Every structure is written in structure tokens, then in C-alpha cells.
Amino acid sequence: MVTGREQFTAWAWAVGLTRPNAAAELMDHGFTPDVLDTLIEDKPARSLLRTGHDVQHVIYGLYQAATPRRTAD
């Protein structure tokens, strides 16, 4: 079982200690730090967060990446 301290450490490493609100928002959406390797606009979500991109933009990108694309019949 993952402790709160371990979870905080994982998120702090993932988004940087200067973005605790970003970590909280991502956690509220049910994301885990491992999804931050997901590419959004050809960059890992982790990089976008660390360089100051808006967390809502990253959350939207993560949802978009998780949604299967439909093809025309």
C-alpha cells in the first residue's frame, strides 16, 4: 500500500515542488504520476507542468490522449 508521504514524493518529483496545486488538481481527476509521460503536443505532460503550462491544459490533453479516436466507417 502506498502511503501519503510516498504519494506526495512521487507527485513532487513529477510536477516539481513549486506546483503543489497542480498535483492536487491532477489527483482530484484520478491521475497518477505515471501518466505524466503521456505526450501532449509532442511533449511529455511532466515537461509541460515543469515549465509552467496551465494544469487545466495538461488535464485536457491527458483526457484527449486517453480517449480512443474514432475512424469513419
PDB file of N, CA and C in Angstrom:
ATOM      1  N   MET A   1       0.847  -1.184   0.000  1.00  0.00           N
ATOM      2  CA  MET A   1       0.000   0.000   0.000  1.00  0.00           C
ATOM      3  C   MET A   1       0.889   1.242   0.000  1.00  0.00           C
ATOM      4  N   VAL A   2       0.518   2.223  -0.808  1.00  0.00           N
ATOM      5  CA  VAL A   2       1.285   3.459  -0.918  1.00  0.00           C
ATOM      6  C   VAL A   2       0.841   4.412   0.187  1.00  0.00           C
ATOM      7  N   THR A   3       1.807   4.958   0.890  1.00  0.00           N
ATOM      8  CA  THR A   3       1.487   5.904   1.960  1.00  0.00           C
ATOM      9  C   THR A   3       1.301   7.298   1.385  1.00  0.00           C
ATOM     10  N   GLY A   4       0.719   8.178   2.174  1.00  0.00           N
ATOM     11  CA  GLY A   4       0.543   9.561   1.757  1.00  0.00           C
ATOM     12  C   GLY A   4       1.869  10.237   1.475  1.00  0.00           C
ATOM     13  N   ARG A   5       2.879   9.915   2.271  1.00  0.00           N
ATOM     14  CA  ARG A   5       4.201  10.500   2.076  1.00  0.00           C
ATOM     15  C   ARG A   5       4.808  10.026   0.750  1.00  0.00           C
ATOM     16  N   GLU A   6       4.660   8.738   0.436  1.00  0.00           N
ATOM     17  CA  GLU A   6       5.180   8.206  -0.820  1.00  0.00           C
ATOM     18  C   GLU A   6       4.460   8.824  -2.017  1.00  0.00           C
ATOM     19  N   GLN A   7       3.153   8.992  -1.873  1.00  0.00           N
ATOM     20  CA  GLN A   7       2.376   9.599  -2.951  1.00  0.00           C
ATOM     21  C   GLN A   7       2.805  11.056  -3.148  1.00  0.00           C
ATOM     22  N   PHE A   8       2.979  11.783  -2.062  1.00  0.00           N
ATOM     23  CA  PHE A   8       3.431  13.168  -2.167  1.00  0.00           C
ATOM     24  C   PHE A   8       4.805  13.236  -2.821  1.00  0.00           C
ATOM     25  N   THR A   9       5.694  12.347  -2.432  1.00  0.00           N
ATOM     26  CA  THR A   9       7.047  12.331  -3.004  1.00  0.00           C
ATOM     27  C   THR A   9       6.987  12.081  -4.508  1.00  0.00           C
ATOM     28  N   ALA A  10       6.146  11.158  -4.935  1.00  0.00           N
ATOM     29  CA  ALA A  10       6.001  10.863  -6.368  1.00  0.00           C
ATOM     30  C   ALA A  10       5.480  12.067  -7.128  1.00  0.00           C
ATOM     31  N   TRP A  11       4.457  12.707  -6.596  1.00  0.00           N
ATOM     32  CA  TRP A  11       3.898  13.883  -7.271  1.00  0.00           C
ATOM     33  C   TRP A  11       4.862  15.057  -7.243  1.00  0.00           C
ATOM     34  N   ALA A  12       5.553  15.254  -6.134  1.00  0.00           N
ATOM     35  CA  ALA A  12       6.507  16.363  -6.034  1.00  0.00           C
ATOM     36  C   ALA A  12       7.597  16.197  -7.088  1.00  0.00           C
ATOM     37  N   TRP A  13       8.081  14.982  -7.256  1.00  0.00           N
ATOM     38  CA  TRP A  13       9.083  14.737  -8.280  1.00  0.00           C
ATOM     39  C   TRP A  13       8.494  14.958  -9.672  1.00  0.00           C
ATOM     40  N   ALA A  14       7.260  14.534  -9.869  1.00  0.00           N
ATOM     41  CA  ALA A  14       6.630  14.604 -11.189  1.00  0.00           C
ATOM     42  C   ALA A  14       6.350  16.029 -11.641  1.00  0.00           C
ATOM     43  N   VAL A  15       5.841  16.851 -10.762  1.00  0.00           N
ATOM     44  CA  VAL A  15       5.434  18.199 -11.184  1.00  0.00           C
ATOM     45  C   VAL A  15       6.302  19.298 -10.596  1.00  0.00           C
ATOM     46  N   GLY A  16       7.207  18.949  -9.725  1.00  0.00           N
ATOM     47  CA  GLY A  16       8.070  19.957  -9.108  1.00  0.00           C
ATOM     48  C   GLY A  16       7.431  20.498  -7.844  1.00  0.00           C
ATOM     49  N   LEU A  17       8.244  20.773  -6.875  1.00  0.00           N
ATOM     50  CA  LEU A  17       7.732  21.240  -5.587  1.00  0.00           C
ATOM     51  C   LEU A  17       7.061  22.600  -5.662  1.00  0.00           C
ATOM     52  N   THR A  18       7.288  23.343  -6.723  1.00  0.00           N
ATOM     53  CA  THR A  18       6.663  24.656  -6.846  1.00  0.00           C
ATOM     54  C   THR A  18       5.237  24.581  -7.375  1.00  0.00           C
ATOM     55  N   ARG A  19       4.738  23.372  -7.675  1.00  0.00           N
ATOM     56  CA  ARG A  19       3.392  23.223  -8.242  1.00  0.00           C
ATOM     57  C   ARG A  19       2.493  22.314  -7.411  1.00  0.00           C
ATOM     58  N   PRO A  20       2.390  22.517  -6.092  1.00  0.00           N
ATOM     59  CA  PRO A  20       1.546  21.619  -5.299  1.00  0.00           C
ATOM     60  C   PRO A  20       0.081  21.663  -5.720  1.00  0.00           C
ATOM     61  N   ASN A  21      -0.402  22.805  -6.193  1.00  0.00           N
ATOM     62  CA  ASN A  21      -1.796  22.889  -6.632  1.00  0.00           C
ATOM     63  C   ASN A  21      -2.031  22.063  -7.893  1.00  0.00           C
ATOM     64  N   ALA A  22      -1.026  22.011  -8.764  1.00  0.00           N
ATOM     65  CA  ALA A  22      -1.141  21.199  -9.975  1.00  0.00           C
ATOM     66  C   ALA A  22      -1.260  19.730  -9.594  1.00  0.00           C
ATOM     67  N   ALA A  23      -0.449  19.304  -8.656  1.00  0.00           N
ATOM     68  CA  ALA A  23      -0.516  17.916  -8.204  1.00  0.00           C
ATOM     69  C   ALA A  23      -1.892  17.615  -7.625  1.00  0.00           C
ATOM     70  N   ALA A  24      -2.415  18.514  -6.826  1.00  0.00           N
ATOM     71  CA  ALA A  24      -3.736  18.305  -6.214  1.00  0.00           C
ATOM     72  C   ALA A  24      -4.819  18.196  -7.280  1.00  0.00           C
ATOM     73  N   GLU A  25      -4.770  19.062  -8.285  1.00  0.00           N
ATOM     74  CA  GLU A  25      -5.785  19.009  -9.346  1.00  0.00           C
ATOM     75  C   GLU A  25      -5.698  17.707 -10.129  1.00  0.00           C
ATOM     76  N   LEU A  26      -4.483  17.273 -10.447  1.00  0.00           N
ATOM     77  CA  LEU A  26      -4.317  16.016 -11.174  1.00  0.00           C
ATOM     78  C   LEU A  26      -4.821  14.847 -10.342  1.00  0.00           C
ATOM     79  N   MET A  27      -4.532  14.856  -9.059  1.00  0.00           N
ATOM     80  CA  MET A  27      -5.003  13.799  -8.173  1.00  0.00           C
ATOM     81  C   MET A  27      -6.528  13.806  -8.093  1.00  0.00           C
ATOM     82  N   ASP A  28      -7.130  15.002  -8.040  1.00  0.00           N
ATOM     83  CA  ASP A  28      -8.590  15.109  -7.993  1.00  0.00           C
ATOM     84  C   ASP A  28      -9.245  14.488  -9.223  1.00  0.00           C
ATOM     85  N   HIS A  29      -8.534  14.508 -10.340  1.00  0.00           N
ATOM     86  CA  HIS A  29      -9.053  13.911 -11.576  1.00  0.00           C
ATOM     87  C   HIS A  29      -8.726  12.428 -11.673  1.00  0.00           C
ATOM     88  N   GLY A  30      -8.076  11.896 -10.662  1.00  0.00           N
ATOM     89  CA  GLY A  30      -7.779  10.470 -10.629  1.00  0.00           C
ATOM     90  C   GLY A  30      -6.509  10.059 -11.347  1.00  0.00           C
ATOM     91  N   PHE A  31      -5.704  11.024 -11.758  1.00  0.00           N
ATOM     92  CA  PHE A  31      -4.460  10.698 -12.441  1.00  0.00           C
ATOM     93  C   PHE A  31      -3.395  10.284 -11.431  1.00  0.00           C
ATOM     94  N   THR A  32      -2.464   9.479 -11.903  1.00  0.00           N
ATOM     95  CA  THR A  32      -1.316   9.067 -11.112  1.00  0.00           C
ATOM     96  C   THR A  32      -0.060   9.595 -11.803  1.00  0.00           C
ATOM     97  N   PRO A  33       1.037   9.735 -11.075  1.00  0.00           N
ATOM     98  CA  PRO A  33       2.243  10.322 -11.676  1.00  0.00           C
ATOM     99  C   PRO A  33       2.722   9.620 -12.949  1.00  0.00           C
ATOM    100  N   ASP A  34       2.465   8.338 -13.097  1.00  0.00           N
ATOM    101  CA  ASP A  34       2.951   7.629 -14.280  1.00  0.00           C
ATOM    102  C   ASP A  34       2.332   8.124 -15.584  1.00  0.00           C
ATOM    103  N   VAL A  35       1.161   8.749 -15.547  1.00  0.00           N
ATOM    104  CA  VAL A  35       0.552   9.240 -16.790  1.00  0.00           C
ATOM    105  C   VAL A  35       1.244  10.492 -17.306  1.00  0.00           C
ATOM    106  N   LEU A  36       2.132  11.055 -16.508  1.00  0.00           N
ATOM    107  CA  LEU A  36       2.777  12.301 -16.914  1.00  0.00           C
ATOM    108  C   LEU A  36       3.844  12.094 -17.984  1.00  0.00           C
ATOM    109  N   ASP A  37       4.056  10.849 -18.390  1.00  0.00           N
ATOM    110  CA  ASP A  37       4.918  10.573 -19.540  1.00  0.00           C
ATOM    111  C   ASP A  37       4.118  10.688 -20.845  1.00  0.00           C
ATOM    112  N   THR A  38       2.809  10.845 -20.738  1.00  0.00           N
ATOM    113  CA  THR A  38       1.930  10.969 -21.900  1.00  0.00           C
ATOM    114  C   THR A  38       2.315  12.205 -22.699  1.00  0.00           C
ATOM    115  N   LEU A  39       2.395  12.037 -24.012  1.00  0.00           N
ATOM    116  CA  LEU A  39       2.739  13.164 -24.880  1.00  0.00           C
ATOM    117  C   LEU A  39       1.523  14.035 -25.147  1.00  0.00           C
ATOM    118  N   ILE A  40       1.721  15.319 -24.957  1.00  0.00           N
ATOM    119  CA  ILE A  40       0.725  16.341 -25.275  1.00  0.00           C
ATOM    120  C   ILE A  40       1.458  17.357 -26.132  1.00  0.00           C
ATOM    121  N   GLU A  41       0.988  17.552 -27.346  1.00  0.00           N
ATOM    122  CA  GLU A  41       1.668  18.455 -28.279  1.00  0.00           C
ATOM    123  C   GLU A  41       3.137  18.074 -28.429  1.00  0.00           C
ATOM    124  N   ASP A  42       3.389  16.777 -28.535  1.00  0.00           N
ATOM    125  CA  ASP A  42       4.724  16.211 -28.734  1.00  0.00           C
ATOM    126  C   ASP A  42       5.684  16.420 -27.561  1.00  0.00           C
ATOM    127  N   LYS A  43       5.158  16.745 -26.396  1.00  0.00           N
ATOM    128  CA  LYS A  43       5.981  16.902 -25.207  1.00  0.00           C
ATOM    129  C   LYS A  43       5.340  16.131 -24.065  1.00  0.00           C
ATOM    130  N   PRO A  44       6.160  15.524 -23.198  1.00  0.00           N
ATOM    131  CA  PRO A  44       5.576  14.835 -22.048  1.00  0.00           C
ATOM    132  C   PRO A  44       4.818  15.812 -21.146  1.00  0.00           C
ATOM    133  N   ALA A  45       3.703  15.363 -20.627  1.00  0.00           N
ATOM    134  CA  ALA A  45       2.909  16.207 -19.729  1.00  0.00           C
ATOM    135  C   ALA A  45       3.766  16.729 -18.581  1.00  0.00           C
ATOM    136  N   ARG A  46       4.659  15.900 -18.076  1.00  0.00           N
ATOM    137  CA  ARG A  46       5.562  16.283 -16.998  1.00  0.00           C
ATOM    138  C   ARG A  46       6.360  17.546 -17.361  1.00  0.00           C
ATOM    139  N   SER A  47       6.880  17.581 -18.590  1.00  0.00           N
ATOM    140  CA  SER A  47       7.663  18.732 -19.037  1.00  0.00           C
ATOM    141  C   SER A  47       6.809  19.991 -19.122  1.00  0.00           C
ATOM    142  N   LEU A  48       5.587  19.820 -19.608  1.00  0.00           N
ATOM    143  CA  LEU A  48       4.692  20.976 -19.702  1.00  0.00           C
ATOM    144  C   LEU A  48       4.435  21.566 -18.319  1.00  0.00           C
ATOM    145  N   LEU A  49       4.182  20.703 -17.348  1.00  0.00           N
ATOM    146  CA  LEU A  49       3.919  21.193 -15.988  1.00  0.00           C
ATOM    147  C   LEU A  49       5.153  21.849 -15.380  1.00  0.00           C
ATOM    148  N   ARG A  50       6.297  21.247 -15.587  1.00  0.00           N
ATOM    149  CA  ARG A  50       7.531  21.788 -15.011  1.00  0.00           C
ATOM    150  C   ARG A  50       7.925  23.127 -15.617  1.00  0.00           C
ATOM    151  N   THR A  51       7.458  23.396 -16.838  1.00  0.00           N
ATOM    152  CA  THR A  51       7.801  24.666 -17.475  1.00  0.00           C
ATOM    153  C   THR A  51       6.689  25.698 -17.342  1.00  0.00           C
ATOM    154  N   GLY A  52       5.700  25.394 -16.492  1.00  0.00           N
ATOM    155  CA  GLY A  52       4.698  26.399 -16.155  1.00  0.00           C
ATOM    156  C   GLY A  52       3.413  26.391 -16.950  1.00  0.00           C
ATOM    157  N   HIS A  53       3.202  25.397 -17.812  1.00  0.00           N
ATOM    158  CA  HIS A  53       1.938  25.343 -18.555  1.00  0.00           C
ATOM    159  C   HIS A  53       0.765  25.200 -17.584  1.00  0.00           C
ATOM    160  N   ASP A  54      -0.355  25.707 -17.993  1.00  0.00           N
ATOM    161  CA  ASP A  54      -1.574  25.650 -17.190  1.00  0.00           C
ATOM    162  C   ASP A  54      -1.983  24.204 -16.953  1.00  0.00           C
ATOM    163  N   VAL A  55      -2.266  23.870 -15.711  1.00  0.00           N
ATOM    164  CA  VAL A  55      -2.612  22.492 -15.361  1.00  0.00           C
ATOM    165  C   VAL A  55      -3.901  22.051 -16.053  1.00  0.00           C
ATOM    166  N   GLN A  56      -4.836  22.960 -16.268  1.00  0.00           N
ATOM    167  CA  GLN A  56      -6.077  22.591 -16.965  1.00  0.00           C
ATOM    168  C   GLN A  56      -5.794  22.172 -18.404  1.00  0.00           C
ATOM    169  N   HIS A  57      -4.849  22.822 -19.041  1.00  0.00           N
ATOM    170  CA  HIS A  57      -4.438  22.450 -20.393  1.00  0.00           C
ATOM    171  C   HIS A  57      -3.862  21.034 -20.396  1.00  0.00           C
ATOM    172  N   VAL A  58      -3.052  20.726 -19.404  1.00  0.00           N
ATOM    173  CA  VAL A  58      -2.446  19.397 -19.296  1.00  0.00           C
ATOM    174  C   VAL A  58      -3.521  18.346 -19.009  1.00  0.00           C
ATOM    175  N   ILE A  59      -4.441  18.656 -18.106  1.00  0.00           N
ATOM    176  CA  ILE A  59      -5.530  17.723 -17.794  1.00  0.00           C
ATOM    177  C   ILE A  59      -6.350  17.432 -19.046  1.00  0.00           C
ATOM    178  N   TYR A  60      -6.682  18.467 -19.800  1.00  0.00           N
ATOM    179  CA  TYR A  60      -7.423  18.285 -21.051  1.00  0.00           C
ATOM    180  C   TYR A  60      -6.642  17.378 -22.004  1.00  0.00           C
ATOM    181  N   GLY A  61      -5.341  17.626 -22.132  1.00  0.00           N
ATOM    182  CA  GLY A  61      -4.507  16.815 -23.004  1.00  0.00           C
ATOM    183  C   GLY A  61      -4.448  15.365 -22.567  1.00  0.00           C
ATOM    184  N   LEU A  62      -4.406  15.126 -21.257  1.00  0.00           N
ATOM    185  CA  LEU A  62      -4.384  13.758 -20.748  1.00  0.00           C
ATOM    186  C   LEU A  62      -5.695  13.037 -21.056  1.00  0.00           C
ATOM    187  N   TYR A  63      -6.805  13.747 -20.903  1.00  0.00           N
ATOM    188  CA  TYR A  63      -8.092  13.137 -21.256  1.00  0.00           C
ATOM    189  C   TYR A  63      -8.169  12.858 -22.755  1.00  0.00           C
ATOM    190  N   GLN A  64      -7.680  13.787 -23.556  1.00  0.00           N
ATOM    191  CA  GLN A  64      -7.696  13.591 -25.010  1.00  0.00           C
ATOM    192  C   GLN A  64      -6.857  12.370 -25.400  1.00  0.00           C
ATOM    193  N   ALA A  65      -5.706  12.223 -24.784  1.00  0.00           N
ATOM    194  CA  ALA A  65      -4.821  11.098 -25.097  1.00  0.00           C
ATOM    195  C   ALA A  65      -5.442   9.764 -24.682  1.00  0.00           C
ATOM    196  N   ALA A  66      -6.267   9.787 -23.645  1.00  0.00           N
ATOM    197  CA  ALA A  66      -6.880   8.555 -23.146  1.00  0.00           C
ATOM    198  C   ALA A  66      -8.134   8.160 -23.922  1.00  0.00           C
ATOM    199  N   THR A  67      -8.670   9.075 -24.708  1.00  0.00           N
ATOM    200  CA  THR A  67      -9.889   8.818 -25.464  1.00  0.00           C
ATOM    201  C   THR A  67      -9.541   8.200 -26.816  1.00  0.00           C
ATOM    202  N   PRO A  68     -10.061   7.004 -27.089  1.00  0.00           N
ATOM    203  CA  PRO A  68      -9.770   6.385 -28.399  1.00  0.00           C
ATOM    204  C   PRO A  68     -10.333   7.229 -29.534  1.00  0.00           C
ATOM    205  N   ARG A  69      -9.544   7.336 -30.578  1.00  0.00           N
ATOM    206  CA  ARG A  69     -10.007   8.100 -31.740  1.00  0.00           C
ATOM    207  C   ARG A  69     -10.935   7.223 -32.573  1.00  0.00           C
ATOM    208  N   ARG A  70     -11.991   7.828 -33.063  1.00  0.00           N
ATOM    209  CA  ARG A  70     -12.933   7.116 -33.920  1.00  0.00           C
ATOM    210  C   ARG A  70     -12.532   7.327 -35.361  1.00  0.00           C
ATOM    211  N   THR A  71     -12.730   6.302 -36.132  1.00  0.00           N
ATOM    212  CA  THR A  71     -12.475   6.408 -37.557  1.00  0.00           C
ATOM    213  C   THR A  71     -13.805   6.361 -38.302  1.00  0.00           C
ATOM    214  N   ALA A  72     -13.838   6.994 -39.436  1.00  0.00           N
ATOM    215  CA  ALA A  72     -15.056   7.000 -40.242  1.00  0.00           C
ATOM    216  C   ALA A  72     -15.283   5.611 -40.826  1.00  0.00           C
ATOM    217  N   ASP A  73     -16.529   5.195 -40.873  1.00  0.00           N
ATOM    218  CA  ASP A  73     -16.873   3.875 -41.446  1.00  0.00           C
ATOM    219  C   ASP A  73     -16.949   3.934 -42.935  1.00  0.00           C
TER     220      ASP A  73
END
